[in-house]
């Protein structure tokens, strides 16, 4: 499962994670972000027990 990271939970979800983290910095308007979404979902399903897949919206205020 992909974890939606926000700035207030970044430390616990990313910096203090007990597993490696694949972090996507994304924006809603970004074509590459939209293109990567299905691939990152697949990676999260396949490697979810060994890896945390998270996305951080770079334009979010929270």
N, C-alpha and C. Protein backbone atom coordinates (compact mmCIF):
# COMPACT_ATOMS: atom_id res chain seq x y z
N UNK A 1 0.84 -1.18 0.00
CA UNK A 1 0.00 0.00 0.00
C UNK A 1 0.89 1.24 0.00
N UNK A 2 0.52 2.20 -0.81
CA UNK A 2 1.26 3.46 -0.83
C UNK A 2 0.81 4.33 0.32
N UNK A 3 1.75 4.97 0.95
CA UNK A 3 1.49 5.84 2.09
C UNK A 3 1.51 7.29 1.61
N UNK A 4 0.41 8.02 1.77
CA UNK A 4 0.45 9.43 1.41
C UNK A 4 1.14 10.23 2.51
N UNK A 5 2.34 10.66 2.25
CA UNK A 5 3.09 11.40 3.26
C UNK A 5 2.74 12.88 3.19
N UNK A 6 2.62 13.49 4.32
CA UNK A 6 2.45 14.93 4.40
C UNK A 6 3.56 15.44 5.31
N UNK A 7 3.74 16.72 5.30
CA UNK A 7 4.86 17.28 6.05
C UNK A 7 4.80 16.96 7.54
N UNK A 8 3.61 16.89 8.12
CA UNK A 8 3.50 16.64 9.55
C UNK A 8 3.82 15.19 9.93
N UNK A 9 3.73 14.26 8.99
CA UNK A 9 4.03 12.86 9.29
C UNK A 9 5.32 12.39 8.60
N UNK A 10 6.03 13.28 7.96
CA UNK A 10 7.24 12.93 7.21
C UNK A 10 8.28 12.26 8.10
N UNK A 11 8.47 12.78 9.28
CA UNK A 11 9.49 12.22 10.17
C UNK A 11 9.19 10.78 10.53
N UNK A 12 7.95 10.48 10.93
CA UNK A 12 7.63 9.12 11.34
C UNK A 12 7.52 8.16 10.16
N UNK A 13 6.95 8.60 9.05
CA UNK A 13 6.74 7.71 7.91
C UNK A 13 8.00 7.49 7.07
N UNK A 14 8.88 8.50 7.05
CA UNK A 14 10.05 8.41 6.18
C UNK A 14 11.35 8.33 6.97
N UNK A 15 11.63 9.34 7.76
CA UNK A 15 12.91 9.40 8.45
C UNK A 15 13.09 8.32 9.51
N UNK A 16 12.02 7.95 10.19
CA UNK A 16 12.12 6.94 11.25
C UNK A 16 11.54 5.59 10.85
N UNK A 17 11.35 5.37 9.58
CA UNK A 17 10.80 4.11 9.10
C UNK A 17 11.75 2.97 9.40
N UNK A 18 11.21 1.82 9.74
CA UNK A 18 12.05 0.65 10.00
C UNK A 18 12.39 -0.11 8.72
N UNK A 19 11.83 0.35 7.58
CA UNK A 19 12.09 -0.25 6.27
C UNK A 19 12.64 0.83 5.33
N UNK A 20 13.30 0.42 4.25
CA UNK A 20 13.69 1.40 3.24
C UNK A 20 12.44 2.10 2.69
N UNK A 21 12.60 3.33 2.25
CA UNK A 21 11.47 4.12 1.76
C UNK A 21 11.76 4.58 0.34
N UNK A 22 10.80 4.34 -0.55
CA UNK A 22 10.82 4.91 -1.89
C UNK A 22 9.86 6.09 -1.85
N UNK A 23 10.39 7.28 -1.94
CA UNK A 23 9.58 8.49 -1.78
C UNK A 23 9.47 9.22 -3.10
N UNK A 24 8.24 9.45 -3.52
CA UNK A 24 7.96 10.20 -4.74
C UNK A 24 7.57 11.62 -4.34
N UNK A 25 8.26 12.60 -4.88
CA UNK A 25 7.86 13.99 -4.72
C UNK A 25 7.00 14.30 -5.93
N UNK A 26 5.73 14.62 -5.72
CA UNK A 26 4.79 14.76 -6.83
C UNK A 26 4.03 16.08 -6.78
N UNK A 27 3.38 16.38 -7.90
CA UNK A 27 2.46 17.51 -7.99
C UNK A 27 1.27 17.04 -8.83
N UNK A 28 0.09 17.51 -8.51
CA UNK A 28 -1.12 17.09 -9.21
C UNK A 28 -1.05 17.38 -10.70
N UNK A 29 -0.42 18.46 -11.09
CA UNK A 29 -0.36 18.87 -12.49
C UNK A 29 0.74 18.16 -13.28
N UNK A 30 1.61 17.43 -12.61
CA UNK A 30 2.79 16.84 -13.24
C UNK A 30 2.46 15.58 -14.05
N UNK A 31 2.77 15.64 -15.33
CA UNK A 31 2.57 14.47 -16.19
C UNK A 31 3.39 13.27 -15.74
N UNK A 32 4.69 13.45 -15.44
CA UNK A 32 5.47 12.31 -14.97
C UNK A 32 4.93 11.70 -13.67
N UNK A 33 4.41 12.53 -12.78
CA UNK A 33 3.83 12.00 -11.54
C UNK A 33 2.62 11.12 -11.86
N UNK A 34 1.79 11.57 -12.78
CA UNK A 34 0.62 10.78 -13.17
C UNK A 34 1.03 9.49 -13.85
N UNK A 35 2.08 9.55 -14.64
CA UNK A 35 2.56 8.36 -15.34
C UNK A 35 3.17 7.34 -14.39
N UNK A 36 3.83 7.81 -13.35
CA UNK A 36 4.48 6.92 -12.39
C UNK A 36 3.51 6.26 -11.41
N UNK A 37 2.35 6.85 -11.21
CA UNK A 37 1.42 6.37 -10.19
C UNK A 37 1.11 4.87 -10.30
N UNK A 38 0.72 4.36 -11.48
CA UNK A 38 0.43 2.92 -11.56
C UNK A 38 1.66 2.05 -11.27
N UNK A 39 2.82 2.48 -11.70
CA UNK A 39 4.04 1.72 -11.45
C UNK A 39 4.37 1.69 -9.96
N UNK A 40 4.23 2.84 -9.30
CA UNK A 40 4.51 2.89 -7.86
C UNK A 40 3.49 2.07 -7.07
N UNK A 41 2.24 2.04 -7.53
CA UNK A 41 1.24 1.18 -6.89
C UNK A 41 1.63 -0.29 -7.01
N UNK A 42 2.12 -0.67 -8.16
CA UNK A 42 2.56 -2.05 -8.38
C UNK A 42 3.76 -2.40 -7.50
N UNK A 43 4.72 -1.49 -7.42
CA UNK A 43 5.89 -1.70 -6.56
C UNK A 43 5.44 -1.85 -5.11
N UNK A 44 4.50 -1.02 -4.68
CA UNK A 44 4.01 -1.10 -3.30
C UNK A 44 3.33 -2.44 -3.03
N UNK A 45 2.55 -2.93 -3.99
CA UNK A 45 1.89 -4.23 -3.80
C UNK A 45 2.92 -5.36 -3.76
N UNK A 46 3.88 -5.31 -4.64
CA UNK A 46 4.84 -6.40 -4.75
C UNK A 46 5.88 -6.42 -3.63
N UNK A 47 6.32 -5.25 -3.19
CA UNK A 47 7.40 -5.17 -2.21
C UNK A 47 6.97 -4.54 -0.89
N UNK A 48 5.67 -4.45 -0.66
CA UNK A 48 5.13 -3.76 0.51
C UNK A 48 5.61 -4.25 1.85
N UNK A 49 5.99 -5.51 1.95
CA UNK A 49 6.47 -6.04 3.23
C UNK A 49 7.92 -5.64 3.50
N UNK A 50 8.66 -5.31 2.43
CA UNK A 50 10.08 -4.98 2.58
C UNK A 50 10.39 -3.51 2.34
N UNK A 51 9.43 -2.77 1.81
CA UNK A 51 9.68 -1.41 1.35
C UNK A 51 8.43 -0.56 1.57
N UNK A 52 8.62 0.65 2.03
CA UNK A 52 7.51 1.60 2.13
C UNK A 52 7.55 2.50 0.91
N UNK A 53 6.44 2.59 0.21
CA UNK A 53 6.33 3.49 -0.94
C UNK A 53 5.44 4.65 -0.52
N UNK A 54 5.98 5.85 -0.59
CA UNK A 54 5.25 7.04 -0.13
C UNK A 54 5.30 8.12 -1.19
N UNK A 55 4.28 8.98 -1.18
CA UNK A 55 4.21 10.12 -2.09
C UNK A 55 4.04 11.37 -1.27
N UNK A 56 4.77 12.40 -1.66
CA UNK A 56 4.69 13.69 -0.98
C UNK A 56 4.31 14.74 -2.00
N UNK A 57 3.15 15.37 -1.80
CA UNK A 57 2.69 16.44 -2.68
C UNK A 57 3.48 17.70 -2.36
N UNK A 58 4.31 18.14 -3.28
CA UNK A 58 5.21 19.26 -3.03
C UNK A 58 4.48 20.60 -2.96
N UNK A 59 3.24 20.63 -3.40
CA UNK A 59 2.50 21.89 -3.39
C UNK A 59 1.47 21.95 -2.26
N UNK A 60 1.43 20.94 -1.44
CA UNK A 60 0.50 20.92 -0.32
C UNK A 60 1.01 21.79 0.81
N UNK A 61 0.10 22.47 1.49
CA UNK A 61 0.49 23.31 2.63
C UNK A 61 0.63 22.54 3.91
N UNK A 62 0.14 21.30 3.93
CA UNK A 62 0.19 20.55 5.20
C UNK A 62 1.28 19.52 5.21
